Amino acid sequence: MIDVTISQLVLLCLVLGVGLVSLTWFVTVTRVRRAEKKRLQDVFTCRICGVRYEAESNSLSQCPACGTPNEIEPPSMI
């Protein structure tokens, strides 16, 4: 039989509880960040007027405000 005092048992329960809460928090934050990253993949910012809009993830989309075609990747610096 294992000899365990009440204080050791309480400490063990607290450590396991904090570990479980920490693991749950970490998993939730990771899921939220992945979902946010995936949602922002289809958000474009117009180069001319600065309007942010959602579009299908193809290589070229048109701004609903000014009609300027916008690419997924920003233009390279010259």
PDB file of N, CA and C in Angstrom:
ATOM      1  N   MET A   1       0.833  -1.172   0.000  1.00  0.00           N
ATOM      2  CA  MET A   1       0.000   0.000   0.000  1.00  0.00           C
ATOM      3  C   MET A   1       0.884   1.245   0.000  1.00  0.00           C
ATOM      4  N   ILE A   2       0.454   2.279  -0.696  1.00  0.00           N
ATOM      5  CA  ILE A   2       1.208   3.522  -0.787  1.00  0.00           C
ATOM      6  C   ILE A   2       0.771   4.457   0.333  1.00  0.00           C
ATOM      7  N   ASP A   3       1.719   4.962   1.092  1.00  0.00           N
ATOM      8  CA  ASP A   3       1.411   5.909   2.161  1.00  0.00           C
ATOM      9  C   ASP A   3       1.377   7.323   1.588  1.00  0.00           C
ATOM     10  N   VAL A   4       0.210   7.945   1.634  1.00  0.00           N
ATOM     11  CA  VAL A   4       0.030   9.300   1.127  1.00  0.00           C
ATOM     12  C   VAL A   4      -0.693  10.097   2.196  1.00  0.00           C
ATOM     13  N   THR A   5      -0.133  11.251   2.494  1.00  0.00           N
ATOM     14  CA  THR A   5      -0.804  12.108   3.462  1.00  0.00           C
ATOM     15  C   THR A   5      -1.855  12.945   2.749  1.00  0.00           C
ATOM     16  N   ILE A   6      -2.726  13.549   3.538  1.00  0.00           N
ATOM     17  CA  ILE A   6      -3.774  14.397   2.969  1.00  0.00           C
ATOM     18  C   ILE A   6      -3.168  15.581   2.223  1.00  0.00           C
ATOM     19  N   SER A   7      -2.126  16.188   2.763  1.00  0.00           N
ATOM     20  CA  SER A   7      -1.507  17.341   2.106  1.00  0.00           C
ATOM     21  C   SER A   7      -0.881  16.943   0.765  1.00  0.00           C
ATOM     22  N   GLN A   8      -0.284  15.758   0.696  1.00  0.00           N
ATOM     23  CA  GLN A   8       0.269  15.289  -0.574  1.00  0.00           C
ATOM     24  C   GLN A   8      -0.839  15.015  -1.588  1.00  0.00           C
ATOM     25  N   LEU A   9      -1.945  14.463  -1.130  1.00  0.00           N
ATOM     26  CA  LEU A   9      -3.072  14.183  -2.013  1.00  0.00           C
ATOM     27  C   LEU A   9      -3.684  15.473  -2.552  1.00  0.00           C
ATOM     28  N   VAL A  10      -3.830  16.472  -1.693  1.00  0.00           N
ATOM     29  CA  VAL A  10      -4.364  17.767  -2.121  1.00  0.00           C
ATOM     30  C   VAL A  10      -3.414  18.409  -3.120  1.00  0.00           C
ATOM     31  N   LEU A  11      -2.126  18.374  -2.853  1.00  0.00           N
ATOM     32  CA  LEU A  11      -1.140  18.936  -3.761  1.00  0.00           C
ATOM     33  C   LEU A  11      -1.177  18.237  -5.117  1.00  0.00           C
ATOM     34  N   LEU A  12      -1.289  16.930  -5.117  1.00  0.00           N
ATOM     35  CA  LEU A  12      -1.363  16.170  -6.355  1.00  0.00           C
ATOM     36  C   LEU A  12      -2.602  16.561  -7.163  1.00  0.00           C
ATOM     37  N   CYS A  13      -3.734  16.698  -6.484  1.00  0.00           N
ATOM     38  CA  CYS A  13      -4.974  17.098  -7.165  1.00  0.00           C
ATOM     39  C   CYS A  13      -4.858  18.504  -7.740  1.00  0.00           C
ATOM     40  N   LEU A  14      -4.231  19.410  -6.999  1.00  0.00           N
ATOM     41  CA  LEU A  14      -4.046  20.778  -7.494  1.00  0.00           C
ATOM     42  C   LEU A  14      -3.132  20.818  -8.713  1.00  0.00           C
ATOM     43  N   VAL A  15      -2.052  20.078  -8.665  1.00  0.00           N
ATOM     44  CA  VAL A  15      -1.110  20.041  -9.789  1.00  0.00           C
ATOM     45  C   VAL A  15      -1.788  19.453 -11.028  1.00  0.00           C
ATOM     46  N   LEU A  16      -2.522  18.368 -10.854  1.00  0.00           N
ATOM     47  CA  LEU A  16      -3.235  17.773 -11.990  1.00  0.00           C
ATOM     48  C   LEU A  16      -4.302  18.720 -12.529  1.00  0.00           C
ATOM     49  N   GLY A  17      -5.011  19.410 -11.650  1.00  0.00           N
ATOM     50  CA  GLY A  17      -6.034  20.363 -12.082  1.00  0.00           C
ATOM     51  C   GLY A  17      -5.451  21.517 -12.867  1.00  0.00           C
ATOM     52  N   VAL A  18      -4.360  22.090 -12.366  1.00  0.00           N
ATOM     53  CA  VAL A  18      -3.710  23.202 -13.068  1.00  0.00           C
ATOM     54  C   VAL A  18      -3.155  22.719 -14.413  1.00  0.00           C
ATOM     55  N   GLY A  19      -2.594  21.533 -14.444  1.00  0.00           N
ATOM     56  CA  GLY A  19      -2.086  20.977 -15.700  1.00  0.00           C
ATOM     57  C   GLY A  19      -3.194  20.770 -16.719  1.00  0.00           C
ATOM     58  N   LEU A  20      -4.336  20.280 -16.271  1.00  0.00           N
ATOM     59  CA  LEU A  20      -5.464  20.060 -17.175  1.00  0.00           C
ATOM     60  C   LEU A  20      -6.011  21.377 -17.712  1.00  0.00           C
ATOM     61  N   VAL A  21      -6.137  22.367 -16.839  1.00  0.00           N
ATOM     62  CA  VAL A  21      -6.612  23.687 -17.275  1.00  0.00           C
ATOM     63  C   VAL A  21      -5.624  24.316 -18.252  1.00  0.00           C
ATOM     64  N   SER A  22      -4.336  24.193 -17.993  1.00  0.00           N
ATOM     65  CA  SER A  22      -3.314  24.749 -18.887  1.00  0.00           C
ATOM     66  C   SER A  22      -3.343  24.071 -20.251  1.00  0.00           C
ATOM     67  N   LEU A  23      -3.477  22.775 -20.265  1.00  0.00           N
ATOM     68  CA  LEU A  23      -3.546  22.041 -21.530  1.00  0.00           C
ATOM     69  C   LEU A  23      -4.787  22.433 -22.320  1.00  0.00           C
ATOM     70  N   THR A  24      -5.925  22.553 -21.652  1.00  0.00           N
ATOM     71  CA  THR A  24      -7.163  22.967 -22.323  1.00  0.00           C
ATOM     72  C   THR A  24      -7.020  24.369 -22.900  1.00  0.00           C
ATOM     73  N   TRP A  25      -6.423  25.283 -22.136  1.00  0.00           N
ATOM     74  CA  TRP A  25      -6.208  26.648 -22.610  1.00  0.00           C
ATOM     75  C   TRP A  25      -5.312  26.658 -23.842  1.00  0.00           C
ATOM     76  N   PHE A  26      -4.226  25.902 -23.806  1.00  0.00           N
ATOM     77  CA  PHE A  26      -3.295  25.859 -24.929  1.00  0.00           C
ATOM     78  C   PHE A  26      -3.964  25.330 -26.192  1.00  0.00           C
ATOM     79  N   VAL A  27      -4.738  24.270 -26.069  1.00  0.00           N
ATOM     80  CA  VAL A  27      -5.427  23.689 -27.222  1.00  0.00           C
ATOM     81  C   VAL A  27      -6.442  24.688 -27.793  1.00  0.00           C
ATOM     82  N   THR A  28      -7.174  25.372 -26.934  1.00  0.00           N
ATOM     83  CA  THR A  28      -8.172  26.337 -27.386  1.00  0.00           C
ATOM     84  C   THR A  28      -7.518  27.511 -28.102  1.00  0.00           C
ATOM     85  N   VAL A  29      -6.444  28.039 -27.552  1.00  0.00           N
ATOM     86  CA  VAL A  29      -5.750  29.165 -28.185  1.00  0.00           C
ATOM     87  C   VAL A  29      -5.195  28.744 -29.543  1.00  0.00           C
ATOM     88  N   THR A  30      -4.653  27.556 -29.631  1.00  0.00           N
ATOM     89  CA  THR A  30      -4.118  27.066 -30.902  1.00  0.00           C
ATOM     90  C   THR A  30      -5.217  26.940 -31.947  1.00  0.00           C
ATOM     91  N   ARG A  31      -6.364  26.410 -31.573  1.00  0.00           N
ATOM     92  CA  ARG A  31      -7.479  26.293 -32.514  1.00  0.00           C
ATOM     93  C   ARG A  31      -7.969  27.650 -32.985  1.00  0.00           C
ATOM     94  N   VAL A  32      -8.085  28.598 -32.069  1.00  0.00           N
ATOM     95  CA  VAL A  32      -8.562  29.937 -32.430  1.00  0.00           C
ATOM     96  C   VAL A  32      -7.577  30.613 -33.381  1.00  0.00           C
ATOM     97  N   ARG A  33      -6.285  30.493 -33.099  1.00  0.00           N
ATOM     98  CA  ARG A  33      -5.281  31.110 -33.980  1.00  0.00           C
ATOM     99  C   ARG A  33      -5.292  30.490 -35.370  1.00  0.00           C
ATOM    100  N   ARG A  34      -5.439  29.186 -35.450  1.00  0.00           N
ATOM    101  CA  ARG A  34      -5.500  28.527 -36.765  1.00  0.00           C
ATOM    102  C   ARG A  34      -6.734  28.953 -37.535  1.00  0.00           C
ATOM    103  N   ALA A  35      -7.870  29.044 -36.848  1.00  0.00           N
ATOM    104  CA  ALA A  35      -9.106  29.463 -37.511  1.00  0.00           C
ATOM    105  C   ALA A  35      -8.994  30.905 -37.994  1.00  0.00           C
ATOM    106  N   GLU A  36      -8.403  31.772 -37.198  1.00  0.00           N
ATOM    107  CA  GLU A  36      -8.230  33.172 -37.579  1.00  0.00           C
ATOM    108  C   GLU A  36      -7.290  33.290 -38.777  1.00  0.00           C
ATOM    109  N   LYS A  37      -6.225  32.530 -38.778  1.00  0.00           N
ATOM    110  CA  LYS A  37      -5.281  32.552 -39.893  1.00  0.00           C
ATOM    111  C   LYS A  37      -5.949  32.065 -41.177  1.00  0.00           C
ATOM    112  N   LYS A  38      -6.751  31.011 -41.058  1.00  0.00           N
ATOM    113  CA  LYS A  38      -7.445  30.481 -42.227  1.00  0.00           C
ATOM    114  C   LYS A  38      -8.484  31.474 -42.742  1.00  0.00           C
ATOM    115  N   ARG A  39      -9.168  32.168 -41.818  1.00  0.00           N
ATOM    116  CA  ARG A  39     -10.179  33.143 -42.215  1.00  0.00           C
ATOM    117  C   ARG A  39      -9.542  34.328 -42.922  1.00  0.00           C
ATOM    118  N   LEU A  40      -8.362  34.748 -42.481  1.00  0.00           N
ATOM    119  CA  LEU A  40      -7.705  35.912 -43.063  1.00  0.00           C
ATOM    120  C   LEU A  40      -7.003  35.617 -44.386  1.00  0.00           C
ATOM    121  N   GLN A  41      -6.937  34.375 -44.793  1.00  0.00           N
ATOM    122  CA  GLN A  41      -6.315  34.049 -46.069  1.00  0.00           C
ATOM    123  C   GLN A  41      -7.112  34.615 -47.231  1.00  0.00           C
ATOM    124  N   ASP A  42      -8.405  34.762 -47.082  1.00  0.00           N
ATOM    125  CA  ASP A  42      -9.252  35.239 -48.157  1.00  0.00           C
ATOM    126  C   ASP A  42      -9.606  36.715 -48.010  1.00  0.00           C
ATOM    127  N   VAL A  43      -8.900  37.447 -47.156  1.00  0.00           N
ATOM    128  CA  VAL A  43      -9.147  38.869 -46.983  1.00  0.00           C
ATOM    129  C   VAL A  43      -8.096  39.636 -47.775  1.00  0.00           C
ATOM    130  N   PHE A  44      -8.562  40.526 -48.631  1.00  0.00           N
ATOM    131  CA  PHE A  44      -7.677  41.340 -49.448  1.00  0.00           C
ATOM    132  C   PHE A  44      -7.770  42.788 -49.002  1.00  0.00           C
ATOM    133  N   THR A  45      -6.720  43.547 -49.206  1.00  0.00           N
ATOM    134  CA  THR A  45      -6.726  44.990 -49.004  1.00  0.00           C
ATOM    135  C   THR A  45      -6.402  45.630 -50.340  1.00  0.00           C
ATOM    136  N   CYS A  46      -7.271  46.514 -50.770  1.00  0.00           N
ATOM    137  CA  CYS A  46      -7.081  47.173 -52.057  1.00  0.00           C
ATOM    138  C   CYS A  46      -5.853  48.067 -52.003  1.00  0.00           C
ATOM    139  N   ARG A  47      -5.041  48.013 -53.054  1.00  0.00           N
ATOM    140  CA  ARG A  47      -3.822  48.824 -53.119  1.00  0.00           C
ATOM    141  C   ARG A  47      -4.131  50.294 -53.366  1.00  0.00           C
ATOM    142  N   ILE A  48      -5.274  50.582 -53.953  1.00  0.00           N
ATOM    143  CA  ILE A  48      -5.596  51.964 -54.317  1.00  0.00           C
ATOM    144  C   ILE A  48      -6.399  52.654 -53.219  1.00  0.00           C
ATOM    145  N   CYS A  49      -7.553  52.073 -52.832  1.00  0.00           N
ATOM    146  CA  CYS A  49      -8.445  52.758 -51.893  1.00  0.00           C
ATOM    147  C   CYS A  49      -8.339  52.235 -50.459  1.00  0.00           C
ATOM    148  N   GLY A  50      -7.667  51.104 -50.215  1.00  0.00           N
ATOM    149  CA  GLY A  50      -7.457  50.603 -48.870  1.00  0.00           C
ATOM    150  C   GLY A  50      -8.625  49.833 -48.278  1.00  0.00           C
ATOM    151  N   VAL A  51      -9.642  49.528 -49.062  1.00  0.00           N
ATOM    152  CA  VAL A  51     -10.800  48.783 -48.575  1.00  0.00           C
ATOM    153  C   VAL A  51     -10.404  47.324 -48.361  1.00  0.00           C
ATOM    154  N   ARG A  52     -10.835  46.760 -47.226  1.00  0.00           N
ATOM    155  CA  ARG A  52     -10.602  45.339 -46.950  1.00  0.00           C
ATOM    156  C   ARG A  52     -11.869  44.579 -47.311  1.00  0.00           C
ATOM    157  N   TYR A  53     -11.716  43.487 -48.044  1.00  0.00           N
ATOM    158  CA  TYR A  53     -12.858  42.698 -48.472  1.00  0.00           C
ATOM    159  C   TYR A  53     -12.471  41.240 -48.594  1.00  0.00           C
ATOM    160  N   GLU A  54     -13.495  40.380 -48.511  1.00  0.00           N
ATOM    161  CA  GLU A  54     -13.271  38.944 -48.676  1.00  0.00           C
ATOM    162  C   GLU A  54     -13.509  38.572 -50.124  1.00  0.00           C
ATOM    163  N   ALA A  55     -12.692  37.683 -50.609  1.00  0.00           N
ATOM    164  CA  ALA A  55     -12.833  37.199 -51.976  1.00  0.00           C
ATOM    165  C   ALA A  55     -12.429  35.741 -52.012  1.00  0.00           C
ATOM    166  N   GLU A  56     -12.783  35.090 -53.081  1.00  0.00           N
ATOM    167  CA  GLU A  56     -12.385  33.698 -53.251  1.00  0.00           C
ATOM    168  C   GLU A  56     -10.878  33.637 -53.404  1.00  0.00           C
ATOM    169  N   SER A  57     -10.303  32.543 -52.976  1.00  0.00           N
ATOM    170  CA  SER A  57      -8.839  32.452 -52.993  1.00  0.00           C
ATOM    171  C   SER A  57      -8.326  32.063 -54.381  1.00  0.00           C
ATOM    172  N   ASN A  58      -8.521  32.950 -55.327  1.00  0.00           N
ATOM    173  CA  ASN A  58      -7.869  32.783 -56.619  1.00  0.00           C
ATOM    174  C   ASN A  58      -6.765  33.821 -56.706  1.00  0.00           C
ATOM    175  N   SER A  59      -6.000  33.854 -57.778  1.00  0.00           N
ATOM    176  CA  SER A  59      -4.823  34.715 -57.821  1.00  0.00           C
ATOM    177  C   SER A  59      -5.162  36.183 -58.059  1.00  0.00           C
ATOM    178  N   LEU A  60      -6.347  36.499 -58.570  1.00  0.00           N
ATOM    179  CA  LEU A  60      -6.690  37.874 -58.876  1.00  0.00           C
ATOM    180  C   LEU A  60      -8.132  38.133 -58.454  1.00  0.00           C
ATOM    181  N   SER A  61      -8.366  39.232 -57.754  1.00  0.00           N
ATOM    182  CA  SER A  61      -9.718  39.603 -57.359  1.00  0.00           C
ATOM    183  C   SER A  61      -9.917  41.083 -57.641  1.00  0.00           C
ATOM    184  N   GLN A  62     -11.169  41.490 -57.721  1.00  0.00           N
ATOM    185  CA  GLN A  62     -11.475  42.873 -58.039  1.00  0.00           C
ATOM    186  C   GLN A  62     -12.095  43.557 -56.824  1.00  0.00           C
ATOM    187  N   CYS A  63     -11.627  44.763 -56.502  1.00  0.00           N
ATOM    188  CA  CYS A  63     -12.113  45.523 -55.363  1.00  0.00           C
ATOM    189  C   CYS A  63     -13.565  45.929 -55.599  1.00  0.00           C
ATOM    190  N   PRO A  64     -14.470  45.699 -54.636  1.00  0.00           N
ATOM    191  CA  PRO A  64     -15.865  46.074 -54.828  1.00  0.00           C
ATOM    192  C   PRO A  64     -16.089  47.588 -54.791  1.00  0.00           C
ATOM    193  N   ALA A  65     -15.165  48.357 -54.216  1.00  0.00           N
ATOM    194  CA  ALA A  65     -15.353  49.800 -54.107  1.00  0.00           C
ATOM    195  C   ALA A  65     -14.867  50.545 -55.347  1.00  0.00           C
ATOM    196  N   CYS A  66     -13.640  50.245 -55.802  1.00  0.00           N
ATOM    197  CA  CYS A  66     -13.081  51.013 -56.920  1.00  0.00           C
ATOM    198  C   CYS A  66     -12.864  50.188 -58.182  1.00  0.00           C
ATOM    199  N   GLY A  67     -12.958  48.867 -58.105  1.00  0.00           N
ATOM    200  CA  GLY A  67     -12.818  48.020 -59.289  1.00  0.00           C
ATOM    201  C   GLY A  67     -11.389  47.684 -59.665  1.00  0.00           C
ATOM    202  N   THR A  68     -10.435  48.022 -58.837  1.00  0.00           N
ATOM    203  CA  THR A  68      -9.033  47.744 -59.113  1.00  0.00           C
ATOM    204  C   THR A  68      -8.748  46.259 -58.911  1.00  0.00           C
ATOM    205  N   PRO A  69      -8.070  45.614 -59.874  1.00  0.00           N
ATOM    206  CA  PRO A  69      -7.693  44.220 -59.651  1.00  0.00           C
ATOM    207  C   PRO A  69      -6.572  44.127 -58.613  1.00  0.00           C
ATOM    208  N   ASN A  70      -6.701  43.200 -57.674  1.00  0.00           N
ATOM    209  CA  ASN A  70      -5.721  43.020 -56.607  1.00  0.00           C
ATOM    210  C   ASN A  70      -5.246  41.578 -56.606  1.00  0.00           C
ATOM    211  N   GLU A  71      -3.950  41.408 -56.443  1.00  0.00           N
ATOM    212  CA  GLU A  71      -3.357  40.076 -56.379  1.00  0.00           C
ATOM    213  C   GLU A  71      -3.300  39.614 -54.930  1.00  0.00           C
ATOM    214  N   ILE A  72      -3.152  38.302 -54.744  1.00  0.00           N
ATOM    215  CA  ILE A  72      -3.052  37.737 -53.395  1.00  0.00           C
ATOM    216  C   ILE A  72      -1.766  38.238 -52.739  1.00  0.00           C
ATOM    217  N   GLU A  73      -0.657  38.155 -53.423  1.00  0.00           N
ATOM    218  CA  GLU A  73       0.616  38.593 -52.860  1.00  0.00           C
ATOM    219  C   GLU A  73       0.821  40.067 -53.171  1.00  0.00           C
ATOM    220  N   PRO A  74       1.348  40.822 -52.234  1.00  0.00           N
ATOM    221  CA  PRO A  74       1.618  42.219 -52.522  1.00  0.00           C
ATOM    222  C   PRO A  74       2.704  42.349 -53.586  1.00  0.00           C
ATOM    223  N   PRO A  75       2.681  43.422 -54.347  1.00  0.00           N
ATOM    224  CA  PRO A  75       3.712  43.564 -55.390  1.00  0.00           C
ATOM    225  C   PRO A  75       5.095  43.670 -54.757  1.00  0.00           C
ATOM    226  N   SER A  76       6.093  43.173 -55.463  1.00  0.00           N
ATOM    227  CA  SER A  76       7.455  43.194 -54.930  1.00  0.00           C
ATOM    228  C   SER A  76       8.010  44.609 -54.951  1.00  0.00           C
ATOM    229  N   MET A  77       8.924  44.876 -54.038  1.00  0.00           N
ATOM    230  CA  MET A  77       9.543  46.188 -53.960  1.00  0.00           C
ATOM    231  C   MET A  77      10.517  46.362 -55.125  1.00  0.00           C
ATOM    232  N   ILE A  78      10.578  47.546 -55.660  1.00  0.00           N
ATOM    233  CA  ILE A  78      11.483  47.826 -56.785  1.00  0.00           C
ATOM    234  C   ILE A  78      12.745  48.471 -56.262  1.00  0.00           C
TER     235      ILE A  78
END
